């Protein structure tokens, strides 16, 4: 089983395909548990023995801007990262209790690069992750894309740490070191 984030309701998602960093595809057999914005999905192929540590002290506190941040995403079959700056939570006042924001990226067509191929009629939507200090800290909440595939504002991510208690309460989640 794998914990994924960024879905309002995974049962409404037409096809979820999980691809790991080795490009191994993990077909989703079923949704096992759901606690917005995260879901536990049962996969047909295991991800391996590595586990994600949910110890509270392991997470970034979002009390200051940090330039040691990146968005990680798949572009086709390539795992890529794009450097960014994660902002202090006081700057991210809209979703600050559960979200993290990054600086607006003014790269032309940035949203096509890491999020989706079309604002109106997408053939795919990716769920990139936010990495701060080398550790995954969140999943996409709102890329702030406009119809021109550009960022219209700061990008937003769900902070995993803000949902830590909800994740730990899912009966299917096995925690070795909470």
N, C-alpha and C. Protein backbone atom coordinates (compact mmCIF):
# COMPACT_ATOMS: atom_id res chain seq x y z
N UNK A 1 0.83 -1.18 0.00
CA UNK A 1 0.00 0.00 0.00
C UNK A 1 0.87 1.24 0.00
N UNK A 2 0.32 2.31 -0.55
CA UNK A 2 1.05 3.56 -0.66
C UNK A 2 0.13 4.71 -0.30
N UNK A 3 0.68 5.71 0.36
CA UNK A 3 -0.06 6.91 0.69
C UNK A 3 0.19 7.94 -0.40
N UNK A 4 -0.88 8.48 -0.95
CA UNK A 4 -0.74 9.50 -1.99
C UNK A 4 -1.53 10.73 -1.57
N UNK A 5 -1.15 11.85 -2.12
CA UNK A 5 -1.85 13.08 -1.79
C UNK A 5 -2.21 13.87 -3.02
N UNK A 6 -3.05 14.87 -2.78
CA UNK A 6 -3.40 15.78 -3.85
C UNK A 6 -4.73 15.49 -4.51
N UNK A 7 -5.46 14.48 -4.09
CA UNK A 7 -6.72 14.14 -4.72
C UNK A 7 -7.87 14.58 -3.85
N UNK A 8 -8.89 15.21 -4.45
CA UNK A 8 -10.08 15.54 -3.69
C UNK A 8 -10.85 14.26 -3.38
N UNK A 9 -10.90 13.35 -4.31
CA UNK A 9 -11.53 12.05 -4.09
C UNK A 9 -10.96 11.09 -5.11
N UNK A 10 -10.09 10.16 -4.67
CA UNK A 10 -9.45 9.27 -5.64
C UNK A 10 -10.43 8.39 -6.41
N UNK A 11 -11.62 8.15 -5.87
CA UNK A 11 -12.59 7.32 -6.60
C UNK A 11 -13.10 8.06 -7.84
N UNK A 12 -13.00 9.39 -7.86
CA UNK A 12 -13.42 10.16 -9.03
C UNK A 12 -12.33 10.25 -10.09
N UNK A 13 -11.12 9.84 -9.76
CA UNK A 13 -10.01 9.94 -10.68
C UNK A 13 -10.10 8.80 -11.68
N UNK A 14 -10.16 9.09 -12.99
CA UNK A 14 -10.37 8.03 -13.98
C UNK A 14 -9.28 6.97 -14.00
N UNK A 15 -8.02 7.37 -13.87
CA UNK A 15 -6.94 6.38 -13.89
C UNK A 15 -5.77 6.94 -13.10
N UNK A 16 -5.37 6.24 -12.06
CA UNK A 16 -4.20 6.64 -11.30
C UNK A 16 -3.10 5.67 -11.64
N UNK A 17 -1.97 6.22 -12.08
CA UNK A 17 -0.82 5.39 -12.37
C UNK A 17 0.34 5.92 -11.54
N UNK A 18 0.86 5.10 -10.67
CA UNK A 18 1.97 5.49 -9.82
C UNK A 18 3.26 4.98 -10.44
N UNK A 19 4.21 5.87 -10.64
CA UNK A 19 5.50 5.51 -11.22
C UNK A 19 6.57 5.89 -10.22
N UNK A 20 7.45 4.95 -9.89
CA UNK A 20 8.51 5.26 -8.93
C UNK A 20 9.74 5.80 -9.65
N UNK A 21 10.75 6.15 -8.87
CA UNK A 21 11.95 6.77 -9.45
C UNK A 21 12.72 5.82 -10.36
N UNK A 22 12.48 4.52 -10.29
CA UNK A 22 13.13 3.56 -11.19
C UNK A 22 12.29 3.32 -12.43
N UNK A 23 11.22 4.10 -12.59
CA UNK A 23 10.26 4.01 -13.69
C UNK A 23 9.43 2.74 -13.66
N UNK A 24 9.36 2.11 -12.51
CA UNK A 24 8.50 0.95 -12.36
C UNK A 24 7.08 1.45 -12.10
N UNK A 25 6.13 0.98 -12.90
CA UNK A 25 4.74 1.39 -12.76
C UNK A 25 4.06 0.49 -11.74
N UNK A 26 3.30 1.09 -10.86
CA UNK A 26 2.58 0.36 -9.82
C UNK A 26 1.09 0.54 -10.06
N UNK A 27 0.43 -0.43 -10.72
CA UNK A 27 -1.00 -0.30 -10.95
C UNK A 27 -1.75 -0.24 -9.62
N UNK A 28 -2.77 0.59 -9.57
CA UNK A 28 -3.57 0.73 -8.36
C UNK A 28 -4.70 -0.30 -8.41
N UNK A 29 -4.75 -1.17 -7.39
CA UNK A 29 -5.79 -2.19 -7.33
C UNK A 29 -7.08 -1.62 -6.75
N UNK A 30 -6.95 -0.80 -5.67
CA UNK A 30 -8.15 -0.19 -5.10
C UNK A 30 -7.75 0.88 -4.08
N UNK A 31 -8.73 1.75 -3.80
CA UNK A 31 -8.56 2.72 -2.73
C UNK A 31 -8.92 2.02 -1.43
N UNK A 32 -7.99 2.02 -0.48
CA UNK A 32 -8.19 1.31 0.78
C UNK A 32 -8.75 2.25 1.85
N UNK A 33 -8.23 3.45 1.91
CA UNK A 33 -8.65 4.40 2.93
C UNK A 33 -8.53 5.79 2.37
N UNK A 34 -9.36 6.71 2.87
CA UNK A 34 -9.37 8.06 2.33
C UNK A 34 -9.58 9.06 3.44
N UNK A 35 -8.68 10.02 3.54
CA UNK A 35 -8.80 11.12 4.49
C UNK A 35 -8.25 12.34 3.76
N UNK A 36 -9.16 13.16 3.22
CA UNK A 36 -8.75 14.27 2.38
C UNK A 36 -7.64 15.09 3.02
N UNK A 37 -6.57 15.39 2.33
CA UNK A 37 -6.32 15.23 0.90
C UNK A 37 -5.49 14.00 0.57
N UNK A 38 -5.37 13.04 1.47
CA UNK A 38 -4.54 11.87 1.24
C UNK A 38 -5.38 10.61 1.15
N UNK A 39 -4.84 9.64 0.45
CA UNK A 39 -5.51 8.35 0.32
C UNK A 39 -4.47 7.25 0.43
N UNK A 40 -4.90 6.11 0.93
CA UNK A 40 -4.06 4.91 0.93
C UNK A 40 -4.56 4.05 -0.21
N UNK A 41 -3.66 3.73 -1.13
CA UNK A 41 -4.01 2.92 -2.29
C UNK A 41 -3.28 1.60 -2.21
N UNK A 42 -3.97 0.53 -2.53
CA UNK A 42 -3.33 -0.78 -2.61
C UNK A 42 -2.80 -0.92 -4.03
N UNK A 43 -1.53 -1.28 -4.15
CA UNK A 43 -0.92 -1.45 -5.46
C UNK A 43 -0.68 -2.93 -5.74
N UNK A 44 -0.59 -3.25 -7.01
CA UNK A 44 -0.35 -4.63 -7.41
C UNK A 44 1.12 -5.01 -7.30
N UNK A 45 2.00 -4.03 -7.41
CA UNK A 45 3.43 -4.25 -7.33
C UNK A 45 3.96 -3.44 -6.15
N UNK A 46 4.62 -4.07 -5.17
CA UNK A 46 5.10 -3.32 -4.01
C UNK A 46 6.17 -2.29 -4.37
N UNK A 47 6.23 -1.22 -3.59
CA UNK A 47 7.23 -0.18 -3.79
C UNK A 47 8.58 -0.58 -3.22
N UNK A 48 8.61 -1.52 -2.30
CA UNK A 48 9.87 -1.94 -1.70
C UNK A 48 9.87 -1.71 -0.20
N UNK A 49 10.99 -1.99 0.44
CA UNK A 49 11.03 -1.96 1.89
C UNK A 49 11.15 -0.56 2.51
N UNK A 50 11.52 0.46 1.73
CA UNK A 50 11.71 1.80 2.30
C UNK A 50 10.39 2.38 2.77
N UNK A 51 10.43 3.04 3.93
CA UNK A 51 9.23 3.65 4.47
C UNK A 51 9.47 5.13 4.72
N UNK A 52 8.40 5.89 4.67
CA UNK A 52 8.46 7.32 4.90
C UNK A 52 8.28 7.58 6.39
N UNK A 53 9.23 8.24 7.00
CA UNK A 53 9.20 8.51 8.43
C UNK A 53 8.26 9.67 8.72
N UNK A 54 7.31 9.47 9.63
CA UNK A 54 6.36 10.52 9.99
C UNK A 54 6.69 11.19 11.31
N UNK A 55 7.90 11.04 11.79
CA UNK A 55 8.31 11.70 13.02
C UNK A 55 8.19 13.22 12.83
N UNK A 56 7.51 13.88 13.74
CA UNK A 56 7.22 15.30 13.60
C UNK A 56 8.47 16.15 13.41
N UNK A 57 9.53 15.82 14.10
CA UNK A 57 10.75 16.62 14.02
C UNK A 57 11.45 16.51 12.66
N UNK A 58 11.07 15.54 11.84
CA UNK A 58 11.67 15.35 10.52
C UNK A 58 11.17 16.36 9.49
N UNK A 59 10.08 17.06 9.79
CA UNK A 59 9.47 17.95 8.81
C UNK A 59 10.00 19.37 8.94
N UNK A 60 10.03 20.09 7.83
CA UNK A 60 10.41 21.50 7.78
C UNK A 60 9.31 22.29 8.49
N UNK A 61 9.67 23.35 9.23
CA UNK A 61 8.68 24.09 10.02
C UNK A 61 8.05 25.29 9.30
N UNK A 62 8.52 25.64 8.13
CA UNK A 62 7.95 26.73 7.31
C UNK A 62 7.96 28.07 8.04
N UNK A 63 8.94 28.28 8.92
CA UNK A 63 9.05 29.53 9.66
C UNK A 63 9.95 30.55 8.98
N UNK A 64 10.53 30.19 7.86
CA UNK A 64 11.39 31.11 7.09
C UNK A 64 11.43 30.64 5.64
N UNK A 65 11.74 31.57 4.73
CA UNK A 65 11.95 31.19 3.33
C UNK A 65 13.12 30.21 3.26
N UNK A 66 13.07 29.31 2.29
CA UNK A 66 14.16 28.36 2.12
C UNK A 66 14.39 28.14 0.63
N UNK A 67 15.61 28.39 0.18
CA UNK A 67 15.94 28.20 -1.24
C UNK A 67 16.38 26.77 -1.55
N UNK A 68 16.55 25.93 -0.52
CA UNK A 68 16.90 24.52 -0.73
C UNK A 68 15.61 23.73 -0.92
N UNK A 69 14.89 24.06 -1.98
CA UNK A 69 13.59 23.45 -2.25
C UNK A 69 13.46 23.14 -3.74
N UNK A 70 12.61 22.19 -4.05
CA UNK A 70 12.39 21.80 -5.44
C UNK A 70 11.02 21.17 -5.60
N UNK A 71 10.51 21.25 -6.81
CA UNK A 71 9.33 20.49 -7.21
C UNK A 71 9.88 19.26 -7.93
N UNK A 72 9.44 18.07 -7.54
CA UNK A 72 9.83 16.87 -8.28
C UNK A 72 8.60 16.34 -9.00
N UNK A 73 8.79 15.90 -10.22
CA UNK A 73 7.69 15.52 -11.08
C UNK A 73 8.20 14.62 -12.20
N UNK A 74 7.27 13.94 -12.86
CA UNK A 74 7.61 13.17 -14.05
C UNK A 74 7.24 13.98 -15.28
N UNK A 75 8.16 14.03 -16.23
CA UNK A 75 7.87 14.57 -17.55
C UNK A 75 8.07 13.40 -18.50
N UNK A 76 6.95 12.85 -18.98
CA UNK A 76 7.03 11.60 -19.72
C UNK A 76 7.56 10.52 -18.80
N UNK A 77 8.63 9.87 -19.20
CA UNK A 77 9.24 8.83 -18.37
C UNK A 77 10.49 9.32 -17.64
N UNK A 78 10.64 10.61 -17.52
CA UNK A 78 11.82 11.16 -16.85
C UNK A 78 11.41 11.82 -15.54
N UNK A 79 12.07 11.42 -14.46
CA UNK A 79 11.88 12.07 -13.18
C UNK A 79 12.74 13.33 -13.18
N UNK A 80 12.12 14.46 -12.91
CA UNK A 80 12.83 15.73 -12.98
C UNK A 80 12.58 16.53 -11.70
N UNK A 81 13.40 17.55 -11.53
CA UNK A 81 13.17 18.48 -10.43
C UNK A 81 13.38 19.89 -10.94
N UNK A 82 12.70 20.80 -10.33
CA UNK A 82 12.81 22.22 -10.67
C UNK A 82 13.03 22.97 -9.38
N UNK A 83 14.14 23.68 -9.29
CA UNK A 83 14.45 24.44 -8.08
C UNK A 83 13.40 25.51 -7.84
N UNK A 84 13.14 25.78 -6.58
CA UNK A 84 12.18 26.80 -6.19
C UNK A 84 12.55 27.33 -4.82
N UNK A 85 11.79 28.27 -4.35
CA UNK A 85 11.94 28.77 -2.98
C UNK A 85 10.62 28.55 -2.27
N UNK A 86 10.68 27.84 -1.15
CA UNK A 86 9.48 27.68 -0.33
C UNK A 86 9.41 28.91 0.57
N UNK A 87 8.21 29.45 0.72
CA UNK A 87 8.03 30.71 1.44
C UNK A 87 7.68 30.48 2.91
N UNK A 88 8.01 31.46 3.71
CA UNK A 88 7.63 31.51 5.12
C UNK A 88 6.11 31.40 5.21
N UNK A 89 5.61 30.66 6.19
CA UNK A 89 4.16 30.44 6.30
C UNK A 89 3.38 31.74 6.51
N UNK A 90 4.00 32.79 7.04
CA UNK A 90 3.28 34.05 7.20
C UNK A 90 2.99 34.71 5.85
N UNK A 91 3.79 34.40 4.83
CA UNK A 91 3.54 34.89 3.47
C UNK A 91 2.38 34.12 2.85
N UNK A 92 2.23 32.86 3.23
CA UNK A 92 1.21 31.97 2.65
C UNK A 92 -0.07 32.02 3.49
N UNK A 93 -0.62 33.19 3.68
CA UNK A 93 -1.74 33.32 4.59
C UNK A 93 -3.02 32.64 4.13
N UNK A 94 -3.19 32.38 2.85
CA UNK A 94 -4.44 31.80 2.36
C UNK A 94 -4.66 30.37 2.87
N UNK A 95 -3.66 29.52 2.75
CA UNK A 95 -3.77 28.13 3.19
C UNK A 95 -2.75 27.80 4.27
N UNK A 96 -2.31 28.78 5.03
CA UNK A 96 -1.15 28.59 5.90
C UNK A 96 -1.31 27.50 6.94
N UNK A 97 -2.53 27.19 7.36
CA UNK A 97 -2.70 26.16 8.39
C UNK A 97 -2.42 24.75 7.87
N UNK A 98 -2.56 24.54 6.58
CA UNK A 98 -2.30 23.20 6.05
C UNK A 98 -1.50 23.22 4.75
N UNK A 99 -1.17 24.40 4.26
CA UNK A 99 -0.48 24.48 2.98
C UNK A 99 0.88 25.13 3.08
N UNK A 100 1.61 24.99 2.00
CA UNK A 100 2.91 25.65 1.85
C UNK A 100 2.89 26.29 0.47
N UNK A 101 3.51 27.45 0.36
CA UNK A 101 3.56 28.08 -0.95
C UNK A 101 5.00 28.24 -1.40
N UNK A 102 5.14 28.32 -2.71
CA UNK A 102 6.44 28.55 -3.32
C UNK A 102 6.36 29.82 -4.15
N UNK A 103 7.50 30.37 -4.48
CA UNK A 103 7.50 31.60 -5.28
C UNK A 103 6.87 31.35 -6.64
N UNK A 104 6.26 32.38 -7.18
CA UNK A 104 5.69 32.30 -8.52
C UNK A 104 6.82 32.07 -9.51
N UNK A 105 6.63 31.12 -10.41
CA UNK A 105 7.64 30.80 -11.42
C UNK A 105 7.21 31.44 -12.74
N UNK A 106 8.01 32.33 -13.26
CA UNK A 106 7.64 33.05 -14.47
C UNK A 106 8.17 32.41 -15.75
N UNK A 107 8.63 31.15 -15.66
CA UNK A 107 9.07 30.42 -16.85
C UNK A 107 7.87 30.23 -17.77
N UNK A 108 8.03 30.52 -19.06
CA UNK A 108 6.96 30.35 -20.04
C UNK A 108 6.56 28.87 -20.09
N UNK A 109 5.26 28.61 -20.11
CA UNK A 109 4.69 27.24 -20.18
C UNK A 109 5.10 26.37 -18.99
N UNK A 110 5.38 26.95 -17.84
CA UNK A 110 5.83 26.18 -16.68
C UNK A 110 4.82 25.10 -16.29
N UNK A 111 3.54 25.36 -16.41
CA UNK A 111 2.54 24.37 -15.99
C UNK A 111 2.53 23.14 -16.88
N UNK A 112 2.83 23.31 -18.17
CA UNK A 112 2.94 22.15 -19.06
C UNK A 112 4.13 21.29 -18.65
N UNK A 113 5.13 21.91 -18.07
CA UNK A 113 6.33 21.18 -17.68
C UNK A 113 6.03 20.21 -16.54
N UNK A 114 5.38 20.67 -15.49
CA UNK A 114 5.25 19.80 -14.31
C UNK A 114 3.83 19.46 -13.90
N UNK A 115 2.81 20.02 -14.53
CA UNK A 115 1.46 19.79 -14.04
C UNK A 115 0.52 19.12 -15.04
N UNK A 116 0.14 19.79 -16.11
CA UNK A 116 -0.81 19.23 -17.07
C UNK A 116 -0.56 19.79 -18.47
N UNK A 117 -1.10 19.12 -19.46
CA UNK A 117 -0.88 19.55 -20.84
C UNK A 117 -1.94 20.53 -21.33
N UNK A 118 -3.03 20.71 -20.59
CA UNK A 118 -4.08 21.61 -21.05
C UNK A 118 -4.91 22.12 -19.87
N UNK A 119 -5.14 23.40 -19.85
CA UNK A 119 -5.94 24.02 -18.79
C UNK A 119 -7.40 23.59 -18.91
N UNK A 120 -7.93 23.54 -20.12
CA UNK A 120 -9.35 23.24 -20.33
C UNK A 120 -9.64 21.76 -20.57
N UNK A 121 -8.83 21.08 -21.37
CA UNK A 121 -9.09 19.68 -21.72
C UNK A 121 -7.85 18.84 -21.52
N UNK A 122 -7.46 18.59 -20.28
CA UNK A 122 -6.21 17.85 -20.04
C UNK A 122 -6.31 16.38 -20.42
N UNK A 123 -5.23 15.86 -20.96
CA UNK A 123 -5.14 14.42 -21.20
C UNK A 123 -4.42 13.74 -20.03
N UNK A 124 -3.73 14.53 -19.19
CA UNK A 124 -3.11 14.03 -17.98
C UNK A 124 -3.00 15.16 -16.97
N UNK A 125 -2.97 14.78 -15.71
CA UNK A 125 -2.68 15.71 -14.62
C UNK A 125 -1.69 15.00 -13.72
N UNK A 126 -0.55 15.62 -13.47
CA UNK A 126 0.46 15.03 -12.60
C UNK A 126 0.32 15.62 -11.20
N UNK A 127 0.78 14.87 -10.22
CA UNK A 127 0.77 15.33 -8.84
C UNK A 127 2.21 15.47 -8.36
N UNK A 128 2.84 16.61 -8.63
CA UNK A 128 4.22 16.80 -8.20
C UNK A 128 4.34 16.89 -6.69
N UNK A 129 5.53 16.71 -6.19
CA UNK A 129 5.81 16.80 -4.76
C UNK A 129 6.73 17.98 -4.50
N UNK A 130 6.65 18.51 -3.28
CA UNK A 130 7.53 19.58 -2.84
C UNK A 130 8.58 18.97 -1.92
N UNK A 131 9.84 19.25 -2.23
CA UNK A 131 10.96 18.77 -1.44
C UNK A 131 11.65 19.98 -0.81
N UNK A 132 11.88 19.91 0.49
CA UNK A 132 12.62 20.97 1.19
C UNK A 132 13.72 20.29 2.00
N UNK A 133 14.94 20.78 1.86
CA UNK A 133 16.09 20.20 2.55
C UNK A 133 16.24 18.70 2.27
N UNK A 134 15.92 18.28 1.04
CA UNK A 134 16.11 16.90 0.63
C UNK A 134 15.02 15.93 1.09
N UNK A 135 13.93 16.42 1.65
CA UNK A 135 12.86 15.55 2.14
C UNK A 135 11.51 16.00 1.57
N UNK A 136 10.70 15.04 1.15
CA UNK A 136 9.37 15.38 0.64
C UNK A 136 8.55 15.99 1.77
N UNK A 137 7.97 17.15 1.49
CA UNK A 137 7.20 17.88 2.50
C UNK A 137 5.74 18.05 2.13
N UNK A 138 5.40 17.84 0.85
CA UNK A 138 4.02 18.05 0.47
C UNK A 138 3.71 17.60 -0.94
N UNK A 139 2.41 17.63 -1.26
CA UNK A 139 1.93 17.29 -2.60
C UNK A 139 1.09 18.45 -3.12
N UNK A 140 0.93 18.52 -4.41
CA UNK A 140 0.29 19.66 -5.06
C UNK A 140 -1.13 19.90 -4.56
N UNK A 141 -1.39 21.14 -4.21
CA UNK A 141 -2.73 21.61 -3.86
C UNK A 141 -3.29 22.46 -5.00
N UNK A 142 -2.52 23.45 -5.42
CA UNK A 142 -2.96 24.35 -6.48
C UNK A 142 -1.73 24.89 -7.20
N UNK A 143 -1.54 24.52 -8.46
CA UNK A 143 -0.37 25.00 -9.17
C UNK A 143 -0.47 26.47 -9.59
N UNK A 144 -1.67 27.05 -9.44
CA UNK A 144 -1.92 28.45 -9.85
C UNK A 144 -1.63 28.64 -11.33
N UNK A 145 -2.09 27.71 -12.14
CA UNK A 145 -1.90 27.80 -13.59
C UNK A 145 -3.04 28.59 -14.22
N UNK A 146 -2.73 29.29 -15.30
CA UNK A 146 -3.76 29.97 -16.06
C UNK A 146 -3.92 29.31 -17.42
N UNK A 147 -4.80 29.84 -18.24
CA UNK A 147 -5.08 29.22 -19.54
C UNK A 147 -3.91 29.30 -20.50
N UNK A 148 -2.87 30.05 -20.17
CA UNK A 148 -1.68 30.16 -21.01
C UNK A 148 -0.56 29.23 -20.54
N UNK A 149 -0.87 28.36 -19.56
CA UNK A 149 0.09 27.42 -18.97
C UNK A 149 1.20 28.11 -18.20
N UNK A 150 0.90 29.29 -17.68
CA UNK A 150 1.85 30.04 -16.87
C UNK A 150 1.33 30.10 -15.43
N UNK A 151 2.24 30.30 -14.49
CA UNK A 151 1.84 30.53 -13.11
C UNK A 151 1.22 31.92 -13.01
N UNK A 152 0.04 31.99 -12.44
CA UNK A 152 -0.61 33.28 -12.25
C UNK A 152 -0.38 33.80 -10.84
N UNK A 153 0.18 32.94 -9.99
CA UNK A 153 0.42 33.30 -8.59
C UNK A 153 1.42 32.31 -8.00
N UNK A 154 1.56 32.32 -6.70
CA UNK A 154 2.40 31.33 -6.01
C UNK A 154 1.79 29.94 -6.17
N UNK A 155 2.61 28.90 -6.27
CA UNK A 155 2.12 27.52 -6.28
C UNK A 155 1.87 27.07 -4.84
N UNK A 156 0.90 26.19 -4.65
CA UNK A 156 0.51 25.73 -3.31
C UNK A 156 0.62 24.22 -3.20
N UNK A 157 1.06 23.76 -2.03
CA UNK A 157 1.19 22.34 -1.73
C UNK A 157 0.54 22.02 -0.39
N UNK A 158 -0.07 20.83 -0.29
CA UNK A 158 -0.52 20.33 1.01
C UNK A 158 0.72 19.96 1.81
N UNK A 159 0.85 20.45 3.01
CA UNK A 159 1.95 20.06 3.89
C UNK A 159 1.61 18.73 4.54
N UNK A 160 2.45 17.72 4.35
CA UNK A 160 2.22 16.42 4.96
C UNK A 160 2.15 16.55 6.47
N UNK A 161 3.00 17.39 7.05
CA UNK A 161 3.04 17.54 8.51
C UNK A 161 1.71 18.03 9.08
N UNK A 162 0.95 18.83 8.32
CA UNK A 162 -0.32 19.34 8.80
C UNK A 162 -1.39 18.25 8.89
N UNK A 163 -1.18 17.16 8.16
CA UNK A 163 -2.14 16.05 8.14
C UNK A 163 -1.59 14.81 8.83
N UNK A 164 -0.49 14.98 9.54
CA UNK A 164 0.20 13.86 10.19
C UNK A 164 -0.75 13.06 11.09
N UNK A 165 -1.53 13.71 11.93
CA UNK A 165 -2.45 13.02 12.83
C UNK A 165 -3.50 12.23 12.05
N UNK A 166 -4.03 12.83 10.97
CA UNK A 166 -5.01 12.14 10.13
C UNK A 166 -4.40 10.91 9.47
N UNK A 167 -3.17 11.05 8.98
CA UNK A 167 -2.49 9.93 8.34
C UNK A 167 -2.25 8.80 9.34
N UNK A 168 -1.79 9.17 10.53
CA UNK A 168 -1.52 8.15 11.56
C UNK A 168 -2.78 7.45 12.03
N UNK A 169 -3.94 8.09 11.89
CA UNK A 169 -5.18 7.46 12.33
C UNK A 169 -5.80 6.53 11.30
N UNK A 170 -5.27 6.51 10.07
CA UNK A 170 -5.78 5.58 9.06
C UNK A 170 -5.38 4.17 9.46
N UNK A 171 -6.35 3.27 9.61
CA UNK A 171 -6.01 1.92 10.11
C UNK A 171 -5.07 1.14 9.19
N UNK A 172 -5.06 1.45 7.89
CA UNK A 172 -4.22 0.73 6.95
C UNK A 172 -2.77 1.20 6.95
N UNK A 173 -2.49 2.35 7.57
CA UNK A 173 -1.14 2.90 7.60
C UNK A 173 -0.39 2.26 8.76
N UNK A 174 0.70 1.59 8.44
CA UNK A 174 1.53 0.93 9.45
C UNK A 174 2.69 1.85 9.73
N UNK A 175 2.83 2.23 10.99
CA UNK A 175 3.86 3.19 11.37
C UNK A 175 4.88 2.50 12.27
N UNK A 176 6.14 2.55 11.85
CA UNK A 176 7.21 2.00 12.67
C UNK A 176 7.74 3.04 13.65
N UNK A 177 7.79 4.30 13.19
CA UNK A 177 8.43 5.33 13.98
C UNK A 177 7.62 6.64 13.89
N UNK A 178 6.46 6.72 14.58
CA UNK A 178 5.63 7.91 14.47
C UNK A 178 6.25 9.06 15.23
